[in-house]
């Protein structure tokens, strides 16, 4: 990504603090359509700068740490947004955590995966990745989603799609343990399973980004700080824009739950752009690390946090998916397994994932 300059300062350096200032100035205000439109422009700039700084940090620390940092950073702030909305919204928020997490999972495992595979496979005919590492990531996502989003629909201790206090505690602890086990596997025990396949065949320039040397420690630390600022701004501005989004959704006659889809799309934009750019450089493993890591972190960090927050948050906590969403999740699992097992994918594989995502979005509009 080439950066324009303002004087001697890159715009990617100016965008995060500017977005933070705009966030502070607009927080808690009712916005007319013109300010809302200007904030949307600042939001896009913050997203693009987040992508740039994430790539700088990833270049410095290497894979799979780079994709892990971005996935965890986005998810931590996403969790804060969910808790804030649940605590401050005057509308029914019992299904907010479930709907937002499921939207993030569907966008990650179908949207990011599908688009990355299509981009990479069209360039090289086949998208090549490490099936052992990617399979482990997908298996962890499946287990997390099944325990936290499917089982509540079938338990009988509570009425409706809810866990009892004991069941919610078990799900929270299990989610944390699964996520911790995966991170240990990815970064310590079997790190080589999550490295780009091309980097294992003696190709020079192991990062494949066109730069021979990684950034300096100072540059990486600066980008890490600006990345955090940019991500806070992205999620905060998404919260500021949410009333405008809600009004627009209502005006066009879409269900109110579609707001969760829109917010998840905004929050996941940095990871989506980073994944597609990596796929364009034939670093498909990095793209899949980002996609499945985002889905995993979204469940593994959100559910434990919501479990703790439910102690003081009023109202029920609905976690179980409806029948339609469970069918879409089942389709995602089956197609995901068939895509991952060979360790290489055709454009068709990516297209299948994109069609499932399209079906999810369409059925969110017309249930």
Protein backbone atom coordinates (compact mmCIF):
# COMPACT_ATOMS: atom_id res chain seq x y z
CA UNK A 1 0.00 0.00 0.00
CA UNK A 2 1.62 3.24 -1.08
CA UNK A 3 1.12 6.06 1.35
CA UNK A 4 0.38 9.62 0.38
CA UNK A 5 2.22 12.24 2.40
CA UNK A 6 1.12 15.42 4.12
CA UNK A 7 4.37 17.39 4.37
CA UNK A 8 6.74 14.74 5.66
CA UNK A 9 4.09 12.76 7.57
CA UNK A 10 2.28 9.78 6.05
CA UNK A 11 -1.50 9.93 6.01
CA UNK A 12 -1.57 6.52 7.67
CA UNK A 13 0.15 8.16 10.65
CA UNK A 14 -2.32 11.05 10.79
CA UNK A 15 -5.50 9.02 10.26
CA UNK A 16 -5.62 7.13 13.61
CA UNK A 17 -5.24 10.16 15.92
CA UNK A 18 -7.62 12.17 13.70
CA UNK A 19 -10.17 9.36 13.95
CA UNK A 20 -9.75 9.30 17.73
CA UNK A 21 -10.38 13.06 17.91
CA UNK A 22 -13.49 12.68 15.73
CA UNK A 23 -14.64 9.82 17.97
CA UNK A 24 -14.25 11.96 21.10
CA UNK A 25 -16.08 14.87 19.47
CA UNK A 26 -18.98 12.77 18.21
CA UNK A 27 -19.46 10.29 21.08
CA UNK A 28 -22.97 10.42 22.54
CA UNK A 29 -24.29 12.94 19.99
CA UNK A 30 -27.25 12.69 17.65
CA UNK A 31 -25.84 13.15 14.17
CA UNK A 32 -27.43 14.62 11.07
CA UNK A 33 -26.75 12.87 7.79
CA UNK A 34 -23.89 15.19 6.73
CA UNK A 35 -21.78 14.68 9.91
CA UNK A 36 -22.61 10.96 9.75
CA UNK A 37 -21.30 10.85 6.18
CA UNK A 38 -18.09 12.67 7.14
CA UNK A 39 -17.58 10.28 10.05
CA UNK A 40 -18.01 7.37 7.64
CA UNK A 41 -15.16 8.79 5.53
CA UNK A 42 -12.93 9.06 8.63
CA UNK A 43 -13.94 5.49 9.53
CA UNK A 44 -12.77 4.21 6.15
CA UNK A 45 -9.46 6.07 6.56
CA UNK A 46 -9.00 4.50 10.01
CA UNK A 47 -9.68 1.03 8.55
CA UNK A 48 -7.11 1.48 5.77
CA UNK A 49 -4.49 2.85 8.17
CA UNK A 50 -5.13 -0.09 10.52
CA UNK A 51 -4.39 -2.46 7.64
CA UNK A 52 -1.13 -0.65 6.89
CA UNK A 53 0.10 -0.67 10.49
CA UNK A 54 -0.95 -4.30 11.00
CA UNK A 55 1.17 -5.28 8.01
CA UNK A 56 4.15 -3.34 9.39
CA UNK A 57 3.85 -5.15 12.74
CA UNK A 58 3.34 -8.50 11.00
CA UNK A 59 6.43 -7.90 8.86
CA UNK A 60 8.48 -7.25 12.00
CA UNK A 61 7.27 -10.16 14.16
CA UNK A 62 6.70 -12.66 11.35
CA UNK A 63 4.00 -15.27 10.95
CA UNK A 64 1.91 -16.53 12.60
CA UNK A 65 2.31 -13.81 15.24
CA UNK A 66 1.34 -11.03 12.85
CA UNK A 67 -2.09 -12.43 12.00
CA UNK A 68 -2.63 -13.43 15.64
CA UNK A 69 -1.96 -9.88 16.84
CA UNK A 70 -4.47 -8.36 14.42
CA UNK A 71 -7.15 -10.98 15.15
CA UNK A 72 -6.86 -10.61 18.91
CA UNK A 73 -6.65 -6.80 18.81
CA UNK A 74 -9.80 -6.46 16.71
CA UNK A 75 -11.69 -9.03 18.80
CA UNK A 76 -10.79 -7.49 22.16
CA UNK A 77 -12.20 -4.16 21.03
CA UNK A 78 -15.19 -5.88 19.42
CA UNK A 79 -15.95 -7.49 22.78
CA UNK A 80 -15.78 -4.09 24.46
CA UNK A 81 -18.25 -2.76 21.88
CA UNK A 82 -20.70 -5.62 22.51
CA UNK A 83 -20.58 -5.13 26.28
CA UNK A 84 -21.01 -1.36 25.87
CA UNK A 85 -24.04 -1.79 23.62
CA UNK A 86 -25.60 -4.34 25.98
CA UNK A 87 -25.10 -2.03 28.96
CA UNK A 88 -26.30 1.21 27.33
CA UNK A 89 -28.90 0.25 24.72
CA UNK A 90 -32.57 0.77 25.57
CA UNK A 91 -33.64 -1.98 23.14
CA UNK A 92 -33.71 -5.72 23.75
CA UNK A 93 -30.08 -6.90 23.75
CA UNK A 94 -30.58 -10.51 24.84
CA UNK A 95 -29.41 -11.80 21.45
CA UNK A 96 -26.88 -9.08 20.68
CA UNK A 97 -23.78 -11.07 21.64
CA UNK A 98 -25.00 -14.16 19.76
CA UNK A 99 -25.94 -12.26 16.60
CA UNK A 100 -22.72 -10.24 16.51
CA UNK A 101 -20.48 -13.23 17.19
CA UNK A 102 -22.27 -15.37 14.61
CA UNK A 103 -22.04 -12.57 12.05
CA UNK A 104 -18.29 -12.32 12.72
CA UNK A 105 -17.90 -16.09 12.37
CA UNK A 106 -19.81 -16.26 9.09
CA UNK A 107 -17.93 -13.29 7.63
CA UNK A 108 -14.60 -14.81 8.69
CA UNK A 109 -15.01 -18.48 7.73
CA UNK A 110 -16.92 -17.78 4.52
CA UNK A 111 -16.28 -14.19 3.45
CA UNK A 112 -12.58 -13.80 4.25
CA UNK A 113 -11.76 -17.43 3.43
CA UNK A 114 -13.79 -17.42 0.22
CA UNK A 115 -12.47 -14.13 -1.13
CA UNK A 116 -8.87 -15.04 -0.24
CA UNK A 117 -9.11 -18.41 -2.00
CA UNK A 118 -10.65 -16.88 -5.11
CA UNK A 119 -7.98 -14.16 -5.33
CA UNK A 120 -5.10 -16.59 -4.78
CA UNK A 121 -6.47 -19.37 -7.01
CA UNK A 122 -7.17 -17.02 -9.93
CA UNK A 123 -3.56 -15.84 -9.81
CA UNK A 124 -1.92 -19.27 -9.49
CA UNK A 125 -4.73 -21.66 -10.57
CA UNK A 126 -4.55 -23.27 -7.13
CA UNK A 127 -4.42 -21.70 -3.67
CA UNK A 128 -1.88 -23.72 -1.65
CA UNK A 129 -1.78 -23.83 2.15
CA UNK A 130 -0.82 -26.10 5.03
CA UNK A 131 -3.72 -28.47 5.68
CA UNK A 132 -2.42 -29.54 9.10
CA UNK A 133 -2.38 -26.05 10.57
CA UNK A 134 -5.53 -24.85 8.83
CA UNK A 135 -7.37 -28.04 9.76
CA UNK A 136 -6.51 -27.54 13.42
CA UNK A 137 -7.81 -23.98 13.26
CA UNK A 138 -11.05 -25.02 11.59
CA UNK A 139 -11.58 -27.87 14.09
CA UNK A 140 -11.18 -25.41 16.96
CA UNK A 141 -13.67 -22.99 15.40
CA UNK A 142 -16.18 -25.82 14.91
CA UNK A 143 -15.85 -26.97 18.53
CA UNK A 144 -16.15 -23.44 19.92
CA UNK A 145 -19.18 -22.63 17.78
CA UNK A 146 -20.91 -25.91 18.64
CA UNK A 147 -20.44 -25.53 22.40
CA UNK A 148 -21.40 -21.86 22.64
CA UNK A 149 -23.90 -21.28 19.82
CA UNK A 150 -25.54 -24.65 19.12
CA UNK A 151 -25.80 -26.46 22.48
CA UNK A 152 -27.83 -23.68 24.20
CA UNK A 153 -30.65 -24.42 21.78
CA UNK A 154 -30.91 -28.02 23.07
CA UNK A 155 -30.24 -27.75 26.82
CA UNK A 156 -33.22 -28.01 29.17
CA UNK A 157 -32.05 -26.34 32.39
CA UNK A 158 -33.35 -22.97 31.16
CA UNK A 159 -36.26 -22.06 28.92
CA UNK A 160 -35.34 -20.81 25.49
CA UNK A 161 -31.90 -20.70 23.87
CA UNK A 162 -30.09 -19.93 27.12
CA UNK A 163 -27.49 -21.57 29.34
CA UNK A 164 -27.94 -21.94 33.07
CA UNK A 165 -25.31 -20.22 35.23
CA UNK A 166 -23.34 -23.45 35.59
CA UNK A 167 -23.55 -24.23 31.88
CA UNK A 168 -22.47 -20.70 30.96
CA UNK A 169 -19.49 -21.00 33.30
CA UNK A 170 -18.49 -24.30 31.72
CA UNK A 171 -18.81 -22.85 28.20
CA UNK A 172 -16.72 -19.82 29.18
CA UNK A 173 -13.93 -21.88 30.75
CA UNK A 174 -13.94 -24.37 27.87
CA UNK A 175 -13.75 -21.52 25.34
CA UNK A 176 -10.75 -19.95 27.07
CA UNK A 177 -8.96 -23.29 27.37
CA UNK A 178 -9.55 -24.17 23.72
CA UNK A 179 -8.34 -20.78 22.56
CA UNK A 180 -5.25 -20.94 24.79
CA UNK A 181 -4.44 -24.46 23.54
CA UNK A 182 -4.70 -23.33 19.94
CA UNK A 183 -2.51 -20.26 20.46
CA UNK A 184 0.14 -22.46 22.11
CA UNK A 185 -0.02 -24.87 19.17
CA UNK A 186 0.14 -22.06 16.62
CA UNK A 187 2.96 -20.04 18.16
CA UNK A 188 5.09 -22.57 20.08
CA UNK A 189 4.57 -26.28 19.57
CA UNK A 190 3.79 -26.46 15.83
CA UNK A 191 4.46 -22.99 14.51
CA UNK A 192 5.69 -24.37 11.17
CA UNK A 193 2.17 -25.65 10.41
CA UNK A 194 0.95 -22.04 10.21
CA UNK A 195 3.69 -20.58 8.02
CA UNK A 196 3.04 -19.84 4.33
CA UNK A 197 3.78 -22.91 2.25
CA UNK A 198 5.79 -20.90 -0.28
CA UNK A 199 8.17 -19.86 2.47
CA UNK A 200 9.16 -23.48 3.05
CA UNK A 201 10.66 -24.05 -0.39
CA UNK A 202 13.71 -21.83 -0.31
CA UNK A 203 12.19 -18.83 -2.07
CA UNK A 204 14.10 -15.62 -1.27
CA UNK A 205 12.24 -12.75 0.41
CA UNK A 206 10.39 -15.01 2.82
CA UNK A 207 7.78 -12.35 3.57
CA UNK A 208 6.86 -11.96 -0.15
CA UNK A 209 5.94 -8.31 0.33
CA UNK A 210 8.59 -6.81 -1.89
CA UNK A 211 10.74 -5.52 0.99
CA UNK A 212 13.99 -7.30 1.77
CA UNK A 213 14.38 -6.02 5.32
CA UNK A 214 11.81 -5.88 8.12
CA UNK A 215 11.00 -2.48 9.66
CA UNK A 216 13.07 -1.22 12.58
CA UNK A 217 12.00 -1.92 16.15
CA UNK A 218 11.04 1.72 16.60
CA UNK A 219 8.92 1.73 13.44
CA UNK A 220 7.20 -1.49 14.49
CA UNK A 221 6.43 -0.14 17.98
CA UNK A 222 5.07 3.07 16.47
CA UNK A 223 2.87 1.09 14.12
CA UNK A 224 1.72 -1.13 16.99
CA UNK A 225 0.60 1.93 18.93
CA UNK A 226 -1.11 3.48 15.91
CA UNK A 227 -2.75 0.12 15.17
CA UNK A 228 -4.34 0.09 18.62
CA UNK A 229 -5.51 3.69 18.19
CA UNK A 230 -6.91 2.91 14.73
CA UNK A 231 -8.77 -0.18 15.94
CA UNK A 232 -10.26 1.67 18.91
CA UNK A 233 -11.36 4.39 16.51
CA UNK A 234 -12.85 1.89 14.04
CA UNK A 235 -14.98 0.19 16.68
CA UNK A 236 -15.85 3.44 18.45
CA UNK A 237 -16.89 5.15 15.21
CA UNK A 238 -18.90 2.05 14.29
CA UNK A 239 -20.73 2.53 17.60
CA UNK A 240 -21.24 6.24 16.81
CA UNK A 241 -22.56 5.33 13.37
CA UNK A 242 -24.83 2.58 14.72
CA UNK A 243 -27.87 4.89 15.23
CA UNK A 244 -27.54 6.06 11.62
CA UNK A 245 -27.13 2.43 10.56
CA UNK A 246 -30.22 1.47 12.59
CA UNK A 247 -32.25 4.27 11.01
CA UNK A 248 -31.12 3.24 7.53
CA UNK A 249 -31.89 -0.42 8.20
CA UNK A 250 -35.35 0.51 9.49
CA UNK A 251 -35.97 2.86 6.56
CA UNK A 252 -35.33 0.14 3.98
CA UNK A 253 -37.43 -2.35 5.93
CA UNK A 254 -34.68 -4.74 7.03
CA UNK A 255 -34.91 -6.57 10.40
CA UNK A 256 -33.19 -4.80 13.31
CA UNK A 257 -30.83 -7.77 13.78
CA UNK A 258 -29.23 -6.86 10.43
CA UNK A 259 -27.48 -4.04 12.31
CA UNK A 260 -25.23 -6.70 13.89
CA UNK A 261 -24.21 -7.86 10.41
CA UNK A 262 -23.32 -4.32 9.31
CA UNK A 263 -21.31 -3.62 12.47
CA UNK A 264 -19.46 -6.95 12.14
CA UNK A 265 -18.61 -6.09 8.52
CA UNK A 266 -17.19 -2.73 9.61
CA UNK A 267 -15.19 -4.17 12.49
CA UNK A 268 -13.72 -6.96 10.33
CA UNK A 269 -12.74 -4.69 7.45
CA UNK A 270 -9.06 -4.39 8.53
CA UNK A 271 -8.64 -8.15 8.72
CA UNK A 272 -10.54 -8.68 5.47
CA UNK A 273 -8.35 -6.27 3.53
CA UNK A 274 -5.15 -7.67 5.07
CA UNK A 275 -6.22 -11.23 4.21
CA UNK A 276 -7.03 -10.41 0.59
CA UNK A 277 -3.76 -8.52 0.16
CA UNK A 278 -1.86 -11.51 1.56
CA UNK A 279 -3.73 -13.83 -0.82
CA UNK A 280 -2.76 -11.59 -3.71
CA UNK A 281 0.88 -12.22 -2.76
CA UNK A 282 0.22 -15.99 -2.68
CA UNK A 283 0.46 -16.05 1.11
CA UNK A 284 -2.77 -18.01 1.48
CA UNK A 285 -1.78 -19.45 4.84
CA UNK A 286 -1.57 -15.94 6.28
CA UNK A 287 -5.08 -15.22 4.94
CA UNK A 288 -6.48 -18.39 6.50
CA UNK A 289 -4.67 -17.67 9.78
CA UNK A 290 -6.45 -14.31 9.86
CA UNK A 291 -9.84 -15.74 8.91
CA UNK A 292 -10.00 -18.68 11.29
CA UNK A 293 -8.10 -16.79 13.98
CA UNK A 294 -10.72 -14.03 13.85
CA UNK A 295 -13.59 -16.50 14.16
CA UNK A 296 -11.84 -18.31 16.98
CA UNK A 297 -11.01 -15.17 18.92
CA UNK A 298 -14.50 -13.78 18.38
CA UNK A 299 -16.00 -16.79 20.17
CA UNK A 300 -13.18 -17.69 22.55
CA UNK A 301 -12.83 -14.17 23.97
CA UNK A 302 -16.41 -12.91 23.69
CA UNK A 303 -18.26 -15.70 25.48
CA UNK A 304 -16.06 -15.66 28.63
CA UNK A 305 -16.31 -11.87 28.79
CA UNK A 306 -20.08 -11.91 28.37
CA UNK A 307 -20.29 -14.65 31.00
CA UNK A 308 -18.55 -12.36 33.49
CA UNK A 309 -20.53 -9.30 32.37
CA UNK A 310 -23.82 -11.18 32.77
CA UNK A 311 -23.28 -10.99 36.53
CA UNK A 312 -24.18 -7.30 36.45
CA UNK A 313 -25.97 -6.95 33.10
CA UNK A 314 -29.74 -7.14 33.37
CA UNK A 315 -31.92 -9.38 31.27
CA UNK A 316 -31.51 -12.84 29.71
CA UNK A 317 -28.56 -13.91 27.56
CA UNK A 318 -29.73 -15.81 24.48
CA UNK A 319 -26.87 -17.74 22.87
CA UNK A 320 -28.55 -20.54 20.92
CA UNK A 321 -28.86 -20.07 17.17
CA UNK A 322 -32.13 -20.37 15.31
CA UNK A 323 -32.83 -23.18 12.88
CA UNK A 324 -31.81 -21.21 9.76
CA UNK A 325 -28.51 -20.08 11.27
CA UNK A 326 -27.72 -23.62 12.39
CA UNK A 327 -28.23 -24.88 8.84
CA UNK A 328 -25.89 -22.18 7.54
CA UNK A 329 -23.32 -23.08 10.19
CA UNK A 330 -23.60 -26.77 9.25
CA UNK A 331 -23.08 -25.90 5.57
CA UNK A 332 -20.05 -23.78 6.49
CA UNK A 333 -18.54 -26.67 8.46
CA UNK A 334 -19.03 -29.24 5.70
CA UNK A 335 -17.71 -27.01 2.91
CA UNK A 336 -14.87 -25.79 5.14
CA UNK A 337 -13.69 -29.32 5.88
CA UNK A 338 -13.82 -30.31 2.21
CA UNK A 339 -11.87 -27.16 1.32
CA UNK A 340 -9.15 -27.57 3.96
CA UNK A 341 -8.40 -31.31 3.80
CA UNK A 342 -6.58 -31.35 0.41
CA UNK A 343 -4.29 -28.45 1.34
CA UNK A 344 -5.07 -26.65 -1.92
CA UNK A 345 -8.17 -25.05 -3.36
CA UNK A 346 -9.63 -24.05 -6.72
CA UNK A 347 -11.60 -20.83 -7.33
CA UNK A 348 -14.72 -23.00 -7.02
CA UNK A 349 -13.93 -23.67 -3.34
CA UNK A 350 -13.77 -19.98 -2.61
CA UNK A 351 -16.95 -19.41 -4.58
CA UNK A 352 -18.82 -21.95 -2.46
CA UNK A 353 -17.89 -20.08 0.71
CA UNK A 354 -18.93 -16.75 -0.81
CA UNK A 355 -22.33 -18.17 -1.80
CA UNK A 356 -22.90 -19.37 1.78
CA UNK A 357 -22.05 -15.88 3.04
CA UNK A 358 -24.41 -14.36 0.47
CA UNK A 359 -27.15 -16.74 1.64
CA UNK A 360 -26.52 -15.69 5.26
CA UNK A 361 -26.73 -11.99 4.42
CA UNK A 362 -29.82 -12.46 2.22
CA UNK A 363 -31.61 -14.49 4.90
CA UNK A 364 -30.65 -11.89 7.50
CA UNK A 365 -32.56 -9.39 5.36
CA UNK A 366 -35.45 -11.74 4.55
CA UNK A 367 -35.58 -14.35 7.35
